[in-house]
Amino acid sequence: QVEEELQEQEFLDRCFQEMLEEEEQDWFIPARDLPQGMGQLQQQLHGLAVGDGHGHEDILSKSNLNPDAKEFIPGVKY
């Protein structure tokens, strides 16, 4: 009976290990799964700066929108 339990435990351990290996294959690991060169592209994307917040003043000075216009509400006719 003890030998049977040991065999059963060994079988369960092997099944569990196989399950972990299969699951690991399904995980997305960028270093492993992306083509070479994609890492450089990712680094470039991370290096891009979002605007510093000063560009909108220039846009507003060139705008020809009416600042006194009523707020647009979809579906409402004026």
Protein backbone atom coordinates (compact mmCIF):
# COMPACT_ATOMS: atom_id res chain seq x y z
CA GLN A 1 0.00 0.00 0.00
CA VAL A 2 2.86 2.39 0.88
CA GLU A 3 4.55 1.58 -2.43
CA GLU A 4 1.30 2.23 -4.25
CA GLU A 5 0.95 5.64 -2.57
CA LEU A 6 4.55 6.51 -3.49
CA GLN A 7 3.90 5.60 -7.14
CA GLU A 8 0.71 7.64 -7.09
CA GLN A 9 2.56 10.63 -5.62
CA GLU A 10 5.31 10.29 -8.24
CA PHE A 11 2.68 10.15 -10.99
CA LEU A 12 0.96 13.28 -9.65
CA ASP A 13 4.31 15.09 -9.45
CA ARG A 14 5.08 14.25 -13.08
CA CYS A 15 1.63 15.37 -14.21
CA PHE A 16 1.99 18.63 -12.31
CA GLN A 17 5.43 19.24 -13.83
CA GLU A 18 4.11 18.58 -17.35
CA MET A 19 1.22 20.94 -16.73
CA LEU A 20 3.64 23.69 -15.64
CA GLU A 21 5.80 23.18 -18.72
CA GLU A 22 2.78 23.36 -21.04
CA GLU A 23 1.56 26.50 -19.32
CA GLU A 24 5.00 28.11 -19.64
CA GLN A 25 4.91 27.51 -23.40
CA ASP A 26 1.62 29.42 -23.59
CA TRP A 27 3.02 32.48 -21.81
CA PHE A 28 4.09 35.43 -23.94
CA ILE A 29 7.72 36.22 -23.21
CA PRO A 30 8.83 39.18 -25.37
CA ALA A 31 12.54 38.30 -25.29
CA ARG A 32 11.73 34.81 -26.53
CA ASP A 33 8.64 35.32 -28.66
CA LEU A 34 9.27 38.59 -30.53
CA PRO A 35 11.49 38.61 -33.64
CA GLN A 36 15.00 40.02 -33.25
CA GLY A 37 14.97 43.80 -33.62
CA MET A 38 11.62 44.18 -31.88
CA GLY A 39 13.47 44.84 -28.64
CA GLN A 40 15.10 47.88 -30.23
CA LEU A 41 11.71 49.08 -31.44
CA GLN A 42 10.29 48.68 -27.94
CA GLN A 43 13.18 50.70 -26.50
CA GLN A 44 12.58 53.45 -29.07
CA LEU A 45 8.88 53.53 -28.23
CA HIS A 46 9.63 53.82 -24.52
CA GLY A 47 12.02 56.66 -25.30
CA LEU A 48 9.39 58.76 -27.04
CA ALA A 49 8.45 61.81 -25.03
CA VAL A 50 4.88 62.92 -24.63
CA GLY A 51 4.42 66.65 -25.33
CA ASP A 52 5.67 69.02 -22.67
CA GLY A 53 2.36 70.87 -22.53
CA HIS A 54 3.52 74.09 -24.24
CA GLY A 55 2.39 73.20 -27.77
CA HIS A 56 -1.30 73.90 -27.14
CA GLU A 57 -0.73 77.65 -26.69
CA ASP A 58 0.51 77.88 -30.28
CA ILE A 59 -2.53 75.96 -31.53
CA LEU A 60 -4.90 78.26 -29.64
CA SER A 61 -3.30 81.39 -31.06
CA LYS A 62 -3.87 80.11 -34.64
CA SER A 63 -7.41 78.85 -34.00
CA ASN A 64 -10.31 80.36 -35.91
CA LEU A 65 -12.97 78.80 -33.67
CA ASN A 66 -15.49 81.09 -31.99
CA PRO A 67 -14.75 81.12 -28.24
CA ASP A 68 -18.28 82.54 -27.61
CA ALA A 69 -20.09 79.72 -29.42
CA LYS A 70 -22.59 77.58 -27.55
CA GLU A 71 -21.36 74.20 -26.34
CA PHE A 72 -22.07 71.45 -28.85
CA ILE A 73 -24.48 68.84 -27.52
CA PRO A 74 -25.17 65.95 -29.90
CA GLY A 75 -28.82 65.59 -30.87
CA VAL A 76 -29.82 69.12 -29.74
CA LYS A 77 -30.87 71.50 -32.50
CA TYR A 78 -30.35 75.22 -31.98
